[in-house]
């Protein structure tokens, strides 16, 4: 049974509670010319996280302007909780994320990337994202990745809905 069907079945049976949630990987120090940078995003230990979408924003100044062109970045994702990679090789961000609106050569992030099947990250796990700048001309002063999905709480003391139902 696909993951979301099972989660919704458990929610109807009042065994779990789900709430929308976003985790982020923020590359606040930027990604220099021809370098790779890894950011770890910890999943809180109160619940599992199901990632349904991923989106990426590249800035051409530290906090103000969003890059309107296609950034020469590749991405690889690793789930430390399961010990699994999500791709066999680093992949161009245009293949696996959204981005700035109106970029040339693609959707430009008008809609985030939807995983073929939702990605389950266990409570207390870590999402390790590595971005590699392929450009020998441009650095990117800030990049943000958003993991969009839902927290899945077991009913009990940590569930936000435990006292309501």
N, C-alpha and C. Protein backbone atom coordinates (compact mmCIF):
# COMPACT_ATOMS: atom_id res chain seq x y z
N UNK A 1 0.85 -1.18 0.00
CA UNK A 1 0.00 0.00 0.00
C UNK A 1 0.90 1.23 0.00
N UNK A 2 0.63 2.19 -0.89
CA UNK A 2 1.43 3.41 -0.91
C UNK A 2 1.39 4.13 0.45
N UNK A 3 2.47 4.83 0.72
CA UNK A 3 2.66 5.48 2.02
C UNK A 3 1.51 6.39 2.42
N UNK A 4 1.09 7.29 1.53
CA UNK A 4 0.04 8.24 1.92
C UNK A 4 -1.28 7.55 2.20
N UNK A 5 -1.60 6.53 1.43
CA UNK A 5 -2.84 5.79 1.71
C UNK A 5 -2.80 5.21 3.12
N UNK A 6 -1.65 4.65 3.50
CA UNK A 6 -1.51 4.07 4.84
C UNK A 6 -1.61 5.14 5.92
N UNK A 7 -0.97 6.28 5.71
CA UNK A 7 -1.01 7.36 6.70
C UNK A 7 -2.43 7.88 6.86
N UNK A 8 -3.14 8.08 5.75
CA UNK A 8 -4.52 8.58 5.85
C UNK A 8 -5.42 7.53 6.50
N UNK A 9 -5.16 6.26 6.26
CA UNK A 9 -5.92 5.19 6.92
C UNK A 9 -5.69 5.23 8.44
N UNK A 10 -4.44 5.42 8.85
CA UNK A 10 -4.12 5.52 10.28
C UNK A 10 -4.74 6.77 10.90
N UNK A 11 -4.80 7.86 10.12
CA UNK A 11 -5.42 9.07 10.64
C UNK A 11 -6.93 8.87 10.84
N UNK A 12 -7.57 8.22 9.88
CA UNK A 12 -9.01 7.95 10.03
C UNK A 12 -9.28 7.04 11.22
N UNK A 13 -8.34 6.15 11.51
CA UNK A 13 -8.48 5.25 12.65
C UNK A 13 -8.04 5.93 13.95
N UNK A 14 -7.67 7.19 13.87
CA UNK A 14 -7.24 8.00 15.03
C UNK A 14 -6.02 7.41 15.74
N UNK A 15 -5.12 6.86 14.93
CA UNK A 15 -3.87 6.34 15.47
C UNK A 15 -2.72 7.33 15.27
N UNK A 16 -2.86 8.21 14.27
CA UNK A 16 -1.87 9.25 14.03
C UNK A 16 -2.59 10.56 13.75
N UNK A 17 -1.83 11.62 13.88
CA UNK A 17 -2.29 12.96 13.54
C UNK A 17 -1.28 13.54 12.57
N UNK A 18 -1.75 14.19 11.51
CA UNK A 18 -0.83 14.80 10.56
C UNK A 18 -1.06 16.31 10.51
N UNK A 19 0.05 17.04 10.38
CA UNK A 19 -0.04 18.49 10.21
C UNK A 19 0.95 18.91 9.13
N UNK A 20 0.61 19.91 8.33
CA UNK A 20 1.55 20.41 7.33
C UNK A 20 2.81 20.93 8.02
N UNK A 21 3.95 20.73 7.39
CA UNK A 21 5.19 21.21 7.99
C UNK A 21 6.24 21.39 6.90
N UNK A 22 7.18 22.30 7.14
CA UNK A 22 8.28 22.57 6.21
C UNK A 22 9.59 22.51 6.98
N UNK A 23 10.53 21.79 6.43
CA UNK A 23 11.91 21.86 6.90
C UNK A 23 12.70 22.59 5.83
N UNK A 24 13.80 23.24 6.23
CA UNK A 24 14.61 23.95 5.25
C UNK A 24 16.09 23.63 5.44
N UNK A 25 16.80 23.72 4.34
CA UNK A 25 18.26 23.71 4.33
C UNK A 25 18.66 25.07 3.81
N UNK A 26 19.32 25.85 4.64
CA UNK A 26 19.71 27.19 4.24
C UNK A 26 21.22 27.27 4.11
N UNK A 27 21.65 27.61 2.93
CA UNK A 27 23.08 27.80 2.65
C UNK A 27 23.36 29.28 2.80
N UNK A 28 23.43 29.74 4.05
CA UNK A 28 23.53 31.17 4.33
C UNK A 28 24.92 31.73 4.02
N UNK A 29 25.93 30.89 3.99
CA UNK A 29 27.28 31.35 3.66
C UNK A 29 27.56 31.24 2.17
N UNK A 30 26.56 30.80 1.43
CA UNK A 30 26.69 30.74 -0.02
C UNK A 30 27.42 29.50 -0.51
N UNK A 31 27.52 29.45 -1.83
CA UNK A 31 28.22 28.36 -2.50
C UNK A 31 29.17 29.01 -3.49
N UNK A 32 30.44 28.90 -3.19
CA UNK A 32 31.47 29.56 -4.00
C UNK A 32 31.66 28.90 -5.35
N UNK A 33 32.44 29.55 -6.18
CA UNK A 33 32.76 29.05 -7.51
C UNK A 33 33.41 27.67 -7.40
N UNK A 34 32.88 26.72 -8.15
CA UNK A 34 33.42 25.36 -8.25
C UNK A 34 33.61 24.67 -6.89
N UNK A 35 32.65 24.85 -5.99
CA UNK A 35 32.73 24.20 -4.68
C UNK A 35 31.47 23.41 -4.39
N UNK A 36 31.58 22.54 -3.40
CA UNK A 36 30.44 21.78 -2.88
C UNK A 36 30.23 22.16 -1.42
N UNK A 37 28.98 22.27 -1.02
CA UNK A 37 28.64 22.59 0.36
C UNK A 37 27.52 21.65 0.80
N UNK A 38 27.68 21.09 2.00
CA UNK A 38 26.67 20.18 2.56
C UNK A 38 26.00 20.84 3.76
N UNK A 39 24.67 20.72 3.81
CA UNK A 39 23.90 21.23 4.95
C UNK A 39 23.06 20.08 5.48
N UNK A 40 23.09 19.91 6.80
CA UNK A 40 22.27 18.90 7.46
C UNK A 40 21.02 19.56 8.04
N UNK A 41 19.87 18.96 7.77
CA UNK A 41 18.61 19.44 8.30
C UNK A 41 18.05 18.36 9.21
N UNK A 42 18.01 18.64 10.50
CA UNK A 42 17.53 17.66 11.46
C UNK A 42 16.01 17.60 11.50
N UNK A 43 15.49 16.38 11.46
CA UNK A 43 14.05 16.18 11.61
C UNK A 43 13.77 16.02 13.10
N UNK A 44 12.85 16.80 13.61
CA UNK A 44 12.57 16.79 15.04
C UNK A 44 12.15 15.39 15.48
N UNK A 45 12.48 15.06 16.71
CA UNK A 45 12.26 13.71 17.21
C UNK A 45 10.82 13.46 17.68
N UNK A 46 9.96 14.48 17.61
CA UNK A 46 8.57 14.29 18.06
C UNK A 46 7.69 13.59 17.04
N UNK A 47 8.16 13.47 15.79
CA UNK A 47 7.30 12.89 14.75
C UNK A 47 8.13 12.52 13.53
N UNK A 48 7.60 11.58 12.73
CA UNK A 48 8.18 11.30 11.42
C UNK A 48 7.81 12.45 10.49
N UNK A 49 8.54 12.56 9.39
CA UNK A 49 8.27 13.60 8.40
C UNK A 49 8.09 12.95 7.04
N UNK A 50 7.03 13.32 6.35
CA UNK A 50 6.80 12.86 4.99
C UNK A 50 6.99 14.05 4.07
N UNK A 51 8.02 13.97 3.23
CA UNK A 51 8.29 15.04 2.28
C UNK A 51 7.58 14.72 0.97
N UNK A 52 6.74 15.64 0.53
CA UNK A 52 6.00 15.45 -0.71
C UNK A 52 6.55 16.30 -1.84
N UNK A 53 7.09 17.47 -1.50
CA UNK A 53 7.57 18.41 -2.49
C UNK A 53 8.92 18.96 -2.04
N UNK A 54 9.67 19.46 -3.02
CA UNK A 54 10.93 20.14 -2.71
C UNK A 54 11.01 21.38 -3.60
N UNK A 55 11.52 22.46 -3.04
CA UNK A 55 11.64 23.70 -3.78
C UNK A 55 12.99 24.33 -3.43
N UNK A 56 13.54 25.09 -4.35
CA UNK A 56 14.85 25.69 -4.16
C UNK A 56 14.82 27.12 -4.64
N UNK A 57 15.43 28.01 -3.88
CA UNK A 57 15.56 29.41 -4.26
C UNK A 57 17.03 29.79 -4.21
N UNK A 58 17.52 30.38 -5.29
CA UNK A 58 18.91 30.85 -5.37
C UNK A 58 18.89 32.37 -5.37
N UNK A 59 19.70 32.96 -4.52
CA UNK A 59 19.79 34.41 -4.42
C UNK A 59 21.07 34.88 -5.11
N UNK A 60 21.01 36.07 -5.74
CA UNK A 60 22.24 36.63 -6.31
C UNK A 60 22.78 37.77 -5.46
N UNK A 61 22.16 37.98 -4.30
CA UNK A 61 22.72 38.81 -3.23
C UNK A 61 22.31 38.10 -1.94
N UNK A 62 22.99 38.35 -0.83
CA UNK A 62 22.76 37.50 0.34
C UNK A 62 21.31 37.34 0.78
N UNK A 63 20.51 38.39 0.78
CA UNK A 63 19.16 38.26 1.31
C UNK A 63 18.10 39.03 0.54
N UNK A 64 18.45 39.57 -0.62
CA UNK A 64 17.52 40.48 -1.25
C UNK A 64 16.99 39.99 -2.60
N UNK A 65 17.86 39.74 -3.55
CA UNK A 65 17.43 39.48 -4.92
C UNK A 65 17.49 37.99 -5.24
N UNK A 66 16.41 37.50 -5.83
CA UNK A 66 16.34 36.11 -6.26
C UNK A 66 16.89 36.03 -7.67
N UNK A 67 17.75 35.05 -7.90
CA UNK A 67 18.36 34.84 -9.21
C UNK A 67 17.28 34.43 -10.22
N UNK A 68 17.24 35.12 -11.36
CA UNK A 68 16.23 34.82 -12.37
C UNK A 68 16.75 33.87 -13.45
N UNK A 69 18.05 33.62 -13.48
CA UNK A 69 18.61 32.69 -14.47
C UNK A 69 18.73 31.30 -13.88
N UNK A 70 19.15 30.37 -14.70
CA UNK A 70 19.34 29.00 -14.21
C UNK A 70 20.70 28.89 -13.53
N UNK A 71 20.71 28.50 -12.29
CA UNK A 71 21.96 28.34 -11.55
C UNK A 71 22.59 27.01 -11.94
N UNK A 72 23.90 27.01 -12.09
CA UNK A 72 24.64 25.80 -12.46
C UNK A 72 24.97 25.00 -11.20
N UNK A 73 23.93 24.45 -10.58
CA UNK A 73 24.08 23.70 -9.34
C UNK A 73 23.58 22.28 -9.51
N UNK A 74 24.25 21.35 -8.84
CA UNK A 74 23.73 19.99 -8.75
C UNK A 74 23.41 19.71 -7.29
N UNK A 75 22.51 18.76 -7.08
CA UNK A 75 22.03 18.42 -5.74
C UNK A 75 22.11 16.92 -5.53
N UNK A 76 22.54 16.53 -4.35
CA UNK A 76 22.40 15.13 -3.93
C UNK A 76 21.78 15.14 -2.53
N UNK A 77 20.93 14.15 -2.29
CA UNK A 77 20.22 14.04 -1.02
C UNK A 77 20.51 12.70 -0.37
N UNK A 78 20.70 12.74 0.95
CA UNK A 78 20.99 11.54 1.72
C UNK A 78 20.15 11.56 2.99
N UNK A 79 19.50 10.44 3.28
CA UNK A 79 18.69 10.29 4.49
C UNK A 79 19.54 9.53 5.51
N UNK A 80 20.05 10.25 6.50
CA UNK A 80 20.92 9.61 7.50
C UNK A 80 20.18 8.60 8.36
N UNK A 81 18.87 8.77 8.55
CA UNK A 81 18.10 7.86 9.39
C UNK A 81 18.03 6.46 8.77
N UNK A 82 17.84 6.41 7.46
CA UNK A 82 17.75 5.10 6.79
C UNK A 82 19.07 4.67 6.18
N UNK A 83 20.00 5.62 6.03
CA UNK A 83 21.27 5.31 5.39
C UNK A 83 21.15 5.23 3.88
N UNK A 84 20.13 5.86 3.31
CA UNK A 84 19.88 5.76 1.87
C UNK A 84 20.07 7.10 1.18
N UNK A 85 20.60 7.03 -0.04
CA UNK A 85 20.63 8.19 -0.90
C UNK A 85 19.34 8.22 -1.71
N UNK A 86 18.95 9.40 -2.15
CA UNK A 86 17.73 9.51 -2.94
C UNK A 86 18.00 9.51 -4.44
N UNK A 87 19.27 9.55 -4.80
CA UNK A 87 19.63 9.54 -6.23
C UNK A 87 20.99 8.89 -6.39
N UNK A 88 21.23 8.31 -7.54
CA UNK A 88 22.50 7.61 -7.72
C UNK A 88 23.67 8.55 -7.99
N UNK A 89 23.39 9.74 -8.49
CA UNK A 89 24.41 10.75 -8.76
C UNK A 89 23.83 12.12 -8.43
N UNK A 90 24.74 13.07 -8.21
CA UNK A 90 24.27 14.45 -8.07
C UNK A 90 23.53 14.83 -9.34
N UNK A 91 22.42 15.55 -9.19
CA UNK A 91 21.53 15.84 -10.30
C UNK A 91 21.32 17.34 -10.42
N UNK A 92 21.24 17.83 -11.63
CA UNK A 92 20.99 19.26 -11.85
C UNK A 92 19.73 19.69 -11.11
N UNK A 93 19.80 20.83 -10.43
CA UNK A 93 18.66 21.27 -9.63
C UNK A 93 17.40 21.45 -10.47
N UNK A 94 17.56 21.75 -11.75
CA UNK A 94 16.39 21.94 -12.60
C UNK A 94 15.61 20.62 -12.78
N UNK A 95 16.27 19.49 -12.55
CA UNK A 95 15.61 18.20 -12.67
C UNK A 95 14.82 17.81 -11.43
N UNK A 96 15.19 18.34 -10.27
CA UNK A 96 14.61 17.83 -9.03
C UNK A 96 14.12 18.88 -8.05
N UNK A 97 14.08 20.14 -8.43
CA UNK A 97 13.57 21.17 -7.52
C UNK A 97 12.83 22.24 -8.31
N UNK A 98 12.09 23.05 -7.60
CA UNK A 98 11.54 24.26 -8.19
C UNK A 98 12.61 25.34 -8.08
N UNK A 99 12.25 26.57 -8.27
CA UNK A 99 13.22 27.66 -8.18
C UNK A 99 12.55 28.99 -8.40
N UNK A 100 13.33 29.98 -8.82
CA UNK A 100 12.81 31.33 -9.02
C UNK A 100 11.81 31.34 -10.17
N UNK A 101 10.77 32.15 -10.04
CA UNK A 101 9.75 32.25 -11.09
C UNK A 101 10.35 32.87 -12.34
N UNK A 102 9.91 32.39 -13.48
CA UNK A 102 10.27 33.00 -14.75
C UNK A 102 11.67 32.71 -15.25
N UNK A 103 12.33 31.70 -14.73
CA UNK A 103 13.67 31.40 -15.23
C UNK A 103 13.57 30.83 -16.64
N UNK A 104 14.60 31.06 -17.41
CA UNK A 104 14.65 30.54 -18.77
C UNK A 104 14.98 29.05 -18.73
N UNK A 105 14.38 28.29 -19.58
CA UNK A 105 14.76 26.89 -19.71
C UNK A 105 14.01 25.93 -18.82
N UNK A 106 12.97 26.37 -18.17
CA UNK A 106 12.23 25.44 -17.33
C UNK A 106 11.07 26.13 -16.63
N UNK A 107 10.42 25.41 -15.76
CA UNK A 107 9.27 25.96 -15.05
C UNK A 107 9.69 27.06 -14.09
N UNK A 108 10.95 27.05 -13.70
CA UNK A 108 11.43 28.10 -12.82
C UNK A 108 10.82 28.09 -11.45
N UNK A 109 10.31 26.96 -11.02
CA UNK A 109 9.78 26.89 -9.67
C UNK A 109 8.37 27.38 -9.53
N UNK A 110 7.68 27.64 -10.65
CA UNK A 110 6.29 28.03 -10.54
C UNK A 110 5.50 26.97 -9.79
N UNK A 111 5.93 25.73 -9.90
CA UNK A 111 5.38 24.64 -9.10
C UNK A 111 6.57 23.88 -8.54
N UNK A 112 6.54 23.52 -7.28
CA UNK A 112 7.67 22.76 -6.73
C UNK A 112 7.74 21.37 -7.34
N UNK A 113 8.90 20.73 -7.20
CA UNK A 113 9.07 19.36 -7.67
C UNK A 113 8.25 18.44 -6.77
N UNK A 114 7.50 17.54 -7.36
CA UNK A 114 6.70 16.57 -6.62
C UNK A 114 7.41 15.23 -6.69
N UNK A 115 7.72 14.65 -5.53
CA UNK A 115 8.36 13.34 -5.53
C UNK A 115 7.42 12.30 -6.15
N UNK A 116 7.95 11.35 -6.93
CA UNK A 116 7.10 10.30 -7.51
C UNK A 116 6.33 9.53 -6.43
N UNK A 117 6.97 9.27 -5.33
CA UNK A 117 6.34 8.72 -4.12
C UNK A 117 6.86 9.56 -2.96
N UNK A 118 6.02 9.88 -2.00
CA UNK A 118 6.49 10.68 -0.87
C UNK A 118 7.68 10.02 -0.17
N UNK A 119 8.52 10.85 0.40
CA UNK A 119 9.76 10.42 1.02
C UNK A 119 9.57 10.47 2.54
N UNK A 120 9.67 9.33 3.19
CA UNK A 120 9.53 9.24 4.64
C UNK A 120 10.89 9.39 5.30
N UNK A 121 10.99 10.36 6.21
CA UNK A 121 12.19 10.55 7.02
C UNK A 121 11.79 10.31 8.47
N UNK A 122 12.42 9.37 9.10
CA UNK A 122 12.07 8.98 10.47
C UNK A 122 12.37 10.08 11.47
N UNK A 123 11.60 10.11 12.53
CA UNK A 123 11.81 11.07 13.62
C UNK A 123 13.25 11.00 14.09
N UNK A 124 13.86 12.15 14.31
CA UNK A 124 15.24 12.22 14.77
C UNK A 124 16.27 12.04 13.67
N UNK A 125 15.83 11.81 12.45
CA UNK A 125 16.75 11.63 11.33
C UNK A 125 17.30 12.95 10.84
N UNK A 126 18.15 12.86 9.84
CA UNK A 126 18.77 14.05 9.26
C UNK A 126 18.71 13.95 7.74
N UNK A 127 18.30 15.03 7.11
CA UNK A 127 18.36 15.14 5.66
C UNK A 127 19.67 15.86 5.34
N UNK A 128 20.53 15.19 4.60
CA UNK A 128 21.82 15.78 4.23
C UNK A 128 21.74 16.17 2.75
N UNK A 129 21.83 17.46 2.49
CA UNK A 129 21.77 17.94 1.10
C UNK A 129 23.12 18.55 0.74
N UNK A 130 23.62 18.16 -0.42
CA UNK A 130 24.89 18.69 -0.92
C UNK A 130 24.65 19.37 -2.25
N UNK A 131 25.00 20.64 -2.31
CA UNK A 131 24.93 21.40 -3.55
C UNK A 131 26.34 21.61 -4.06
N UNK A 132 26.52 21.40 -5.35
CA UNK A 132 27.80 21.62 -6.01
C UNK A 132 27.62 22.69 -7.08
N UNK A 133 28.47 23.71 -7.03
CA UNK A 133 28.44 24.78 -8.01
C UNK A 133 29.34 24.39 -9.17
N UNK A 134 28.76 24.18 -10.34
CA UNK A 134 29.53 23.80 -11.52
C UNK A 134 30.14 24.99 -12.24
N UNK A 135 29.73 26.19 -11.86
CA UNK A 135 30.18 27.39 -12.55
C UNK A 135 31.61 27.75 -12.16
N UNK A 136 32.37 28.16 -13.15
CA UNK A 136 33.71 28.69 -12.88
C UNK A 136 33.70 30.22 -12.92
N UNK A 137 32.48 30.79 -13.03
CA UNK A 137 32.35 32.25 -13.11
C UNK A 137 31.55 32.87 -11.98
N UNK A 138 30.52 32.15 -11.48
CA UNK A 138 29.59 32.75 -10.53
C UNK A 138 29.51 31.94 -9.24
N UNK A 139 29.50 32.66 -8.13
CA UNK A 139 29.15 32.07 -6.85
C UNK A 139 27.72 32.49 -6.51
N UNK A 140 27.12 31.78 -5.60
CA UNK A 140 25.76 32.08 -5.19
C UNK A 140 25.77 32.37 -3.70
N UNK A 141 25.48 33.63 -3.30
CA UNK A 141 25.65 34.03 -1.91
C UNK A 141 24.67 33.39 -0.93
N UNK A 142 23.54 32.92 -1.42
CA UNK A 142 22.59 32.24 -0.54
C UNK A 142 21.71 31.32 -1.37
N UNK A 143 21.45 30.13 -0.84
CA UNK A 143 20.53 29.19 -1.46
C UNK A 143 19.67 28.59 -0.35
N UNK A 144 18.38 28.47 -0.58
CA UNK A 144 17.45 27.85 0.37
C UNK A 144 16.75 26.68 -0.31
N UNK A 145 16.68 25.55 0.38
CA UNK A 145 15.91 24.42 -0.06
C UNK A 145 14.78 24.22 0.94
N UNK A 146 13.56 24.06 0.44
CA UNK A 146 12.40 23.81 1.31
C UNK A 146 11.91 22.39 1.06
N UNK A 147 11.79 21.64 2.13
CA UNK A 147 11.20 20.29 2.09
C UNK A 147 9.77 20.45 2.61
N UNK A 148 8.81 20.28 1.71
CA UNK A 148 7.41 20.57 2.03
C UNK A 148 6.67 19.25 2.23
N UNK A 149 5.96 19.15 3.34
CA UNK A 149 5.25 17.91 3.58
C UNK A 149 4.42 17.96 4.84
N UNK A 150 4.55 16.90 5.64
CA UNK A 150 3.72 16.81 6.84
C UNK A 150 4.45 16.04 7.93
N UNK A 151 4.18 16.46 9.16
CA UNK A 151 4.62 15.72 10.33
C UNK A 151 3.55 14.67 10.63
N UNK A 152 3.98 13.49 11.04
CA UNK A 152 3.06 12.42 11.40
C UNK A 152 3.30 12.08 12.87
N UNK A 153 2.34 12.45 13.71
CA UNK A 153 2.42 12.21 15.15
C UNK A 153 1.62 10.97 15.52
N UNK A 154 2.19 10.14 16.38
CA UNK A 154 1.39 9.07 16.99
C UNK A 154 0.55 9.73 18.07
N UNK A 155 -0.68 9.27 18.25
CA UNK A 155 -1.51 9.86 19.29
C UNK A 155 -0.88 9.62 20.65
N UNK A 156 -0.93 10.63 21.47
CA UNK A 156 -0.34 10.57 22.79
C UNK A 156 0.10 11.95 23.21
N UNK A 157 1.07 12.01 24.07
CA UNK A 157 1.46 13.28 24.66
C UNK A 157 2.06 14.26 23.66
N UNK A 158 2.74 13.79 22.61
CA UNK A 158 3.37 14.73 21.68
C UNK A 158 2.47 15.12 20.53
N UNK A 159 1.29 14.51 20.43
CA UNK A 159 0.40 14.80 19.31
C UNK A 159 -0.33 16.10 19.52
N UNK A 160 -0.30 17.01 18.52
CA UNK A 160 -1.03 18.26 18.67
C UNK A 160 -2.53 18.05 18.67
N UNK A 161 -3.00 16.91 18.17
CA UNK A 161 -4.44 16.65 18.14
C UNK A 161 -4.88 15.65 19.22
N UNK A 162 -3.93 15.16 20.00
CA UNK A 162 -4.23 14.13 20.97
C UNK A 162 -5.29 14.54 21.96
N UNK A 163 -5.32 15.81 22.34
CA UNK A 163 -6.31 16.25 23.34
C UNK A 163 -7.63 16.67 22.68
N UNK A 164 -7.66 16.77 21.36
CA UNK A 164 -8.86 17.24 20.68
C UNK A 164 -9.80 16.11 20.28
N UNK A 165 -9.28 14.92 20.08
CA UNK A 165 -10.10 13.84 19.54
C UNK A 165 -10.30 12.73 20.55
